Amino acid sequence: MKNNLTSLLLLVFLLAACTPTQPAPTEFLPPLPTEPEGFTDPDPATWVMLMPAVREYFFIRKHAFIAGDAQLLWDRYPGLQNGTDLSRGINAEEFYITNMQGLKPFDGNIFPEYYEKLRVKLEGEQAQVLVHGMELYLWKDESGKFDDSGGEFKIILFLQQEGSGWTVIRTQDISGP
């Protein structure tokens, strides 16, 4: 018995001696996303001008998530089906829609200004809108209880002026897929 206890204590001391005393190096970790630069708070007229396009995008996005069909977004915003780059979060809607389908969502809510107010870059007939919000989708678990899934998002909507309105031509999710 004494021999087992001695062996156990020796093992504990050896393990403790092998434990690093300094934190592990972090150079292998990917860099944290940087905050986009050059975005400003919109004046009231700019907010009123751009907000309908933001609302429409998120309305259609919600229906695409619930239906499990990215084509709903692509029908309205054909540019979103091209140039997808998941590593940079560009036009990544299909990725998110596909991943959500395991839960079979049947309702949802999107709050574009949940975390902070919209910020914009406006350059002639083009605009970028930084949206930091929350989206939650309702689903039922295996016992039939209601639950929601989703959460925080941070996305840049690239807009192009079309007549008297604006339309989304590209997106970049900077919260990362």
C-alpha atoms as a PDB file:
ATOM      1  CA  MET A   1       0.000   0.000   0.000  1.00  0.00           C
ATOM      2  CA  LYS A   2       2.815   2.388   0.952  1.00  0.00           C
ATOM      3  CA  ASN A   3       4.531   1.577  -2.347  1.00  0.00           C
ATOM      4  CA  ASN A   4       1.361   2.513  -4.316  1.00  0.00           C
ATOM      5  CA  LEU A   5       1.026   5.786  -2.411  1.00  0.00           C
ATOM      6  CA  THR A   6       4.677   6.625  -3.033  1.00  0.00           C
ATOM      7  CA  SER A   7       4.285   5.844  -6.734  1.00  0.00           C
ATOM      8  CA  LEU A   8       1.168   8.009  -6.929  1.00  0.00           C
ATOM      9  CA  LEU A   9       2.880  10.946  -5.231  1.00  0.00           C
ATOM     10  CA  LEU A  10       5.895  10.571  -7.500  1.00  0.00           C
ATOM     11  CA  LEU A  11       3.588  10.618 -10.545  1.00  0.00           C
ATOM     12  CA  VAL A  12       1.829  13.785  -9.294  1.00  0.00           C
ATOM     13  CA  PHE A  13       5.172  15.549  -8.744  1.00  0.00           C
ATOM     14  CA  LEU A  14       6.411  14.527 -12.196  1.00  0.00           C
ATOM     15  CA  LEU A  15       3.245  15.784 -13.857  1.00  0.00           C
ATOM     16  CA  ALA A  16       3.429  19.043 -11.928  1.00  0.00           C
ATOM     17  CA  ALA A  17       7.051  19.482 -12.975  1.00  0.00           C
ATOM     18  CA  CYS A  18       6.105  19.002 -16.632  1.00  0.00           C
ATOM     19  CA  THR A  19       3.333  21.592 -16.511  1.00  0.00           C
ATOM     20  CA  PRO A  20       4.418  24.781 -18.305  1.00  0.00           C
ATOM     21  CA  THR A  21       4.760  27.788 -16.049  1.00  0.00           C
ATOM     22  CA  GLN A  22       4.149  30.271 -18.861  1.00  0.00           C
ATOM     23  CA  PRO A  23       1.050  30.535 -21.011  1.00  0.00           C
ATOM     24  CA  ALA A  24       1.192  28.721 -24.324  1.00  0.00           C
ATOM     25  CA  PRO A  25       2.283  30.861 -27.275  1.00  0.00           C
ATOM     26  CA  THR A  26      -0.603  32.343 -29.244  1.00  0.00           C
ATOM     27  CA  GLU A  27       1.056  32.844 -32.622  1.00  0.00           C
ATOM     28  CA  PHE A  28      -0.929  29.919 -34.038  1.00  0.00           C
ATOM     29  CA  LEU A  29      -4.252  31.586 -33.217  1.00  0.00           C
ATOM     30  CA  PRO A  30      -5.903  33.530 -36.036  1.00  0.00           C
ATOM     31  CA  PRO A  31      -5.940  37.282 -35.533  1.00  0.00           C
ATOM     32  CA  LEU A  32      -9.103  38.768 -34.132  1.00  0.00           C
ATOM     33  CA  PRO A  33     -11.173  40.633 -36.703  1.00  0.00           C
ATOM     34  CA  THR A  34     -10.399  44.306 -36.746  1.00  0.00           C
ATOM     35  CA  GLU A  35     -13.079  46.930 -36.462  1.00  0.00           C
ATOM     36  CA  PRO A  36     -13.881  48.323 -39.900  1.00  0.00           C
ATOM     37  CA  GLU A  37     -12.622  51.845 -40.347  1.00  0.00           C
ATOM     38  CA  GLY A  38     -14.224  54.915 -41.852  1.00  0.00           C
ATOM     39  CA  PHE A  39     -17.818  54.230 -40.774  1.00  0.00           C
ATOM     40  CA  THR A  40     -19.699  57.117 -39.190  1.00  0.00           C
ATOM     41  CA  ASP A  41     -23.069  57.653 -37.583  1.00  0.00           C
ATOM     42  CA  PRO A  42     -25.492  58.643 -40.318  1.00  0.00           C
ATOM     43  CA  ASP A  43     -27.300  61.950 -40.169  1.00  0.00           C
ATOM     44  CA  PRO A  44     -31.107  61.529 -39.969  1.00  0.00           C
ATOM     45  CA  ALA A  45     -31.611  62.034 -43.715  1.00  0.00           C
ATOM     46  CA  THR A  46     -29.039  59.359 -44.583  1.00  0.00           C
ATOM     47  CA  TRP A  47     -30.543  56.934 -42.057  1.00  0.00           C
ATOM     48  CA  VAL A  48     -34.026  57.456 -43.548  1.00  0.00           C
ATOM     49  CA  MET A  49     -32.606  57.041 -47.071  1.00  0.00           C
ATOM     50  CA  LEU A  50     -30.753  53.742 -46.399  1.00  0.00           C
ATOM     51  CA  MET A  51     -32.919  52.038 -43.756  1.00  0.00           C
ATOM     52  CA  PRO A  52     -35.608  50.741 -46.171  1.00  0.00           C
ATOM     53  CA  ALA A  53     -32.934  48.738 -48.041  1.00  0.00           C
ATOM     54  CA  VAL A  54     -31.592  47.360 -44.750  1.00  0.00           C
ATOM     55  CA  ARG A  55     -35.090  46.365 -43.598  1.00  0.00           C
ATOM     56  CA  GLU A  56     -35.880  44.713 -46.937  1.00  0.00           C
ATOM     57  CA  TYR A  57     -32.632  42.701 -46.907  1.00  0.00           C
ATOM     58  CA  PHE A  58     -33.294  41.365 -43.411  1.00  0.00           C
ATOM     59  CA  PHE A  59     -36.963  40.656 -44.210  1.00  0.00           C
ATOM     60  CA  ILE A  60     -35.956  38.514 -47.194  1.00  0.00           C
ATOM     61  CA  ARG A  61     -33.053  36.967 -45.250  1.00  0.00           C
ATOM     62  CA  LYS A  62     -35.463  35.864 -42.503  1.00  0.00           C
ATOM     63  CA  HIS A  63     -37.773  34.212 -45.027  1.00  0.00           C
ATOM     64  CA  ALA A  64     -34.823  32.495 -46.734  1.00  0.00           C
ATOM     65  CA  PHE A  65     -33.647  31.105 -43.382  1.00  0.00           C
ATOM     66  CA  ILE A  66     -37.115  29.823 -42.497  1.00  0.00           C
ATOM     67  CA  ALA A  67     -37.655  28.300 -45.954  1.00  0.00           C
ATOM     68  CA  GLY A  68     -34.109  26.941 -46.097  1.00  0.00           C
ATOM     69  CA  ASP A  69     -33.744  28.443 -49.546  1.00  0.00           C
ATOM     70  CA  ALA A  70     -30.984  30.911 -50.440  1.00  0.00           C
ATOM     71  CA  GLN A  71     -32.660  31.354 -53.830  1.00  0.00           C
ATOM     72  CA  LEU A  72     -35.166  33.676 -52.135  1.00  0.00           C
ATOM     73  CA  LEU A  73     -32.292  36.082 -51.448  1.00  0.00           C
ATOM     74  CA  TRP A  74     -30.679  35.516 -54.821  1.00  0.00           C
ATOM     75  CA  ASP A  75     -33.899  36.272 -56.686  1.00  0.00           C
ATOM     76  CA  ARG A  76     -33.934  39.754 -55.157  1.00  0.00           C
ATOM     77  CA  TYR A  77     -30.163  40.220 -54.836  1.00  0.00           C
ATOM     78  CA  PRO A  78     -28.508  38.231 -57.659  1.00  0.00           C
ATOM     79  CA  GLY A  79     -25.047  39.540 -56.753  1.00  0.00           C
ATOM     80  CA  LEU A  80     -25.127  37.589 -53.503  1.00  0.00           C
ATOM     81  CA  GLN A  81     -24.781  34.246 -55.266  1.00  0.00           C
ATOM     82  CA  ASN A  82     -21.436  35.254 -56.804  1.00  0.00           C
ATOM     83  CA  GLY A  83     -18.043  35.808 -55.268  1.00  0.00           C
ATOM     84  CA  THR A  84     -18.707  33.848 -52.084  1.00  0.00           C
ATOM     85  CA  ASP A  85     -15.636  33.726 -49.847  1.00  0.00           C
ATOM     86  CA  LEU A  86     -16.418  32.105 -46.495  1.00  0.00           C
ATOM     87  CA  SER A  87     -12.977  32.853 -45.088  1.00  0.00           C
ATOM     88  CA  ARG A  88     -13.719  36.578 -45.479  1.00  0.00           C
ATOM     89  CA  GLY A  89     -17.474  36.304 -44.813  1.00  0.00           C
ATOM     90  CA  ILE A  90     -18.397  37.569 -48.275  1.00  0.00           C
ATOM     91  CA  ASN A  91     -21.874  36.600 -49.517  1.00  0.00           C
ATOM     92  CA  ALA A  92     -22.010  33.796 -46.918  1.00  0.00           C
ATOM     93  CA  GLU A  93     -25.807  33.649 -46.590  1.00  0.00           C
ATOM     94  CA  GLU A  94     -26.152  30.209 -48.184  1.00  0.00           C
ATOM     95  CA  PHE A  95     -23.683  28.796 -45.632  1.00  0.00           C
ATOM     96  CA  TYR A  96     -25.718  30.152 -42.711  1.00  0.00           C
ATOM     97  CA  ILE A  97     -29.057  29.122 -44.216  1.00  0.00           C
ATOM     98  CA  THR A  98     -27.837  25.554 -44.784  1.00  0.00           C
ATOM     99  CA  ASN A  99     -26.437  25.273 -41.252  1.00  0.00           C
ATOM    100  CA  MET A 100     -29.685  26.455 -39.685  1.00  0.00           C
ATOM    101  CA  GLN A 101     -31.798  23.835 -41.455  1.00  0.00           C
ATOM    102  CA  GLY A 102     -30.968  21.058 -38.989  1.00  0.00           C
ATOM    103  CA  LEU A 103     -33.215  22.873 -36.512  1.00  0.00           C
ATOM    104  CA  LYS A 104     -36.084  23.409 -38.985  1.00  0.00           C
ATOM    105  CA  PRO A 105     -36.825  27.005 -37.960  1.00  0.00           C
ATOM    106  CA  PHE A 106     -40.388  28.176 -38.479  1.00  0.00           C
ATOM    107  CA  ASP A 107     -40.286  31.789 -37.286  1.00  0.00           C
ATOM    108  CA  GLY A 108     -37.707  34.406 -36.487  1.00  0.00           C
ATOM    109  CA  ASN A 109     -36.911  37.941 -35.481  1.00  0.00           C
ATOM    110  CA  ILE A 110     -34.075  40.174 -36.581  1.00  0.00           C
ATOM    111  CA  PHE A 111     -33.059  43.296 -34.694  1.00  0.00           C
ATOM    112  CA  PRO A 112     -30.575  45.203 -36.896  1.00  0.00           C
ATOM    113  CA  GLU A 113     -29.662  47.816 -34.275  1.00  0.00           C
ATOM    114  CA  TYR A 114     -29.687  45.552 -31.216  1.00  0.00           C
ATOM    115  CA  TYR A 115     -26.053  46.113 -30.203  1.00  0.00           C
ATOM    116  CA  GLU A 116     -25.348  49.462 -31.808  1.00  0.00           C
ATOM    117  CA  LYS A 117     -26.830  51.941 -34.249  1.00  0.00           C
ATOM    118  CA  LEU A 118     -26.111  51.606 -37.953  1.00  0.00           C
ATOM    119  CA  ARG A 119     -22.917  53.190 -39.191  1.00  0.00           C
ATOM    120  CA  VAL A 120     -22.313  54.099 -42.805  1.00  0.00           C
ATOM    121  CA  LYS A 121     -19.841  55.032 -45.525  1.00  0.00           C
ATOM    122  CA  LEU A 122     -21.554  56.947 -48.274  1.00  0.00           C
ATOM    123  CA  GLU A 123     -19.750  57.612 -51.554  1.00  0.00           C
ATOM    124  CA  GLY A 124     -21.998  58.890 -54.336  1.00  0.00           C
ATOM    125  CA  GLU A 125     -24.258  56.101 -55.564  1.00  0.00           C
ATOM    126  CA  GLN A 126     -22.674  53.485 -53.316  1.00  0.00           C
ATOM    127  CA  ALA A 127     -22.934  52.960 -49.604  1.00  0.00           C
ATOM    128  CA  GLN A 128     -21.689  50.538 -47.006  1.00  0.00           C
ATOM    129  CA  VAL A 129     -23.826  49.983 -43.938  1.00  0.00           C
ATOM    130  CA  LEU A 130     -22.324  48.360 -40.850  1.00  0.00           C
ATOM    131  CA  VAL A 131     -25.052  46.508 -38.971  1.00  0.00           C
ATOM    132  CA  HIS A 132     -24.420  45.048 -35.502  1.00  0.00           C
ATOM    133  CA  GLY A 133     -27.569  43.245 -34.484  1.00  0.00           C
ATOM    134  CA  MET A 134     -29.202  40.042 -33.360  1.00  0.00           C
ATOM    135  CA  GLU A 135     -31.221  37.397 -35.164  1.00  0.00           C
ATOM    136  CA  LEU A 136     -33.131  34.595 -33.466  1.00  0.00           C
ATOM    137  CA  TYR A 137     -35.009  31.755 -35.141  1.00  0.00           C
ATOM    138  CA  LEU A 138     -37.746  29.774 -33.428  1.00  0.00           C
ATOM    139  CA  TRP A 139     -37.731  25.967 -33.605  1.00  0.00           C
ATOM    140  CA  LYS A 140     -39.063  22.993 -31.629  1.00  0.00           C
ATOM    141  CA  ASP A 141     -36.809  20.524 -29.867  1.00  0.00           C
ATOM    142  CA  GLU A 142     -37.382  16.746 -29.965  1.00  0.00           C
ATOM    143  CA  SER A 143     -39.904  16.981 -27.105  1.00  0.00           C
ATOM    144  CA  GLY A 144     -41.892  19.713 -28.862  1.00  0.00           C
ATOM    145  CA  LYS A 145     -40.685  22.564 -26.641  1.00  0.00           C
ATOM    146  CA  PHE A 146     -40.106  25.925 -28.302  1.00  0.00           C
ATOM    147  CA  ASP A 147     -36.527  27.166 -28.404  1.00  0.00           C
ATOM    148  CA  ASP A 148     -34.584  29.735 -30.385  1.00  0.00           C
ATOM    149  CA  SER A 149     -31.228  29.776 -32.045  1.00  0.00           C
ATOM    150  CA  GLY A 150     -29.114  32.465 -33.606  1.00  0.00           C
ATOM    151  CA  GLY A 151     -27.479  35.394 -31.935  1.00  0.00           C
ATOM    152  CA  GLU A 152     -25.244  38.339 -32.571  1.00  0.00           C
ATOM    153  CA  PHE A 153     -24.122  39.282 -36.056  1.00  0.00           C
ATOM    154  CA  LYS A 154     -21.972  42.034 -37.480  1.00  0.00           C
ATOM    155  CA  ILE A 155     -22.338  42.501 -41.198  1.00  0.00           C
ATOM    156  CA  ILE A 156     -21.510  45.097 -43.815  1.00  0.00           C
ATOM    157  CA  LEU A 157     -24.179  45.577 -46.458  1.00  0.00           C
ATOM    158  CA  PHE A 158     -22.811  47.015 -49.705  1.00  0.00           C
ATOM    159  CA  LEU A 159     -25.554  49.068 -51.343  1.00  0.00           C
ATOM    160  CA  GLN A 160     -25.960  50.524 -54.804  1.00  0.00           C
ATOM    161  CA  GLN A 161     -28.418  53.289 -55.593  1.00  0.00           C
ATOM    162  CA  GLU A 162     -31.239  52.129 -57.871  1.00  0.00           C
ATOM    163  CA  GLY A 163     -33.536  54.884 -59.006  1.00  0.00           C
ATOM    164  CA  SER A 164     -34.827  56.584 -55.886  1.00  0.00           C
ATOM    165  CA  GLY A 165     -33.922  53.637 -53.629  1.00  0.00           C
ATOM    166  CA  TRP A 166     -31.012  51.414 -52.704  1.00  0.00           C
ATOM    167  CA  THR A 167     -30.327  47.692 -53.106  1.00  0.00           C
ATOM    168  CA  VAL A 168     -27.864  45.245 -51.594  1.00  0.00           C
ATOM    169  CA  ILE A 169     -25.201  44.099 -54.042  1.00  0.00           C
ATOM    170  CA  ARG A 170     -22.814  42.299 -51.641  1.00  0.00           C
ATOM    171  CA  THR A 171     -22.506  41.398 -47.984  1.00  0.00           C
ATOM    172  CA  GLN A 172     -19.574  40.770 -45.690  1.00  0.00           C
ATOM    173  CA  ASP A 173     -20.211  39.103 -42.366  1.00  0.00           C
ATOM    174  CA  ILE A 174     -17.367  40.268 -40.149  1.00  0.00           C
ATOM    175  CA  SER A 175     -18.519  38.219 -37.164  1.00  0.00           C
ATOM    176  CA  GLY A 176     -17.179  35.195 -39.073  1.00  0.00           C
ATOM    177  CA  PRO A 177     -18.759  31.961 -40.309  1.00  0.00           C
END
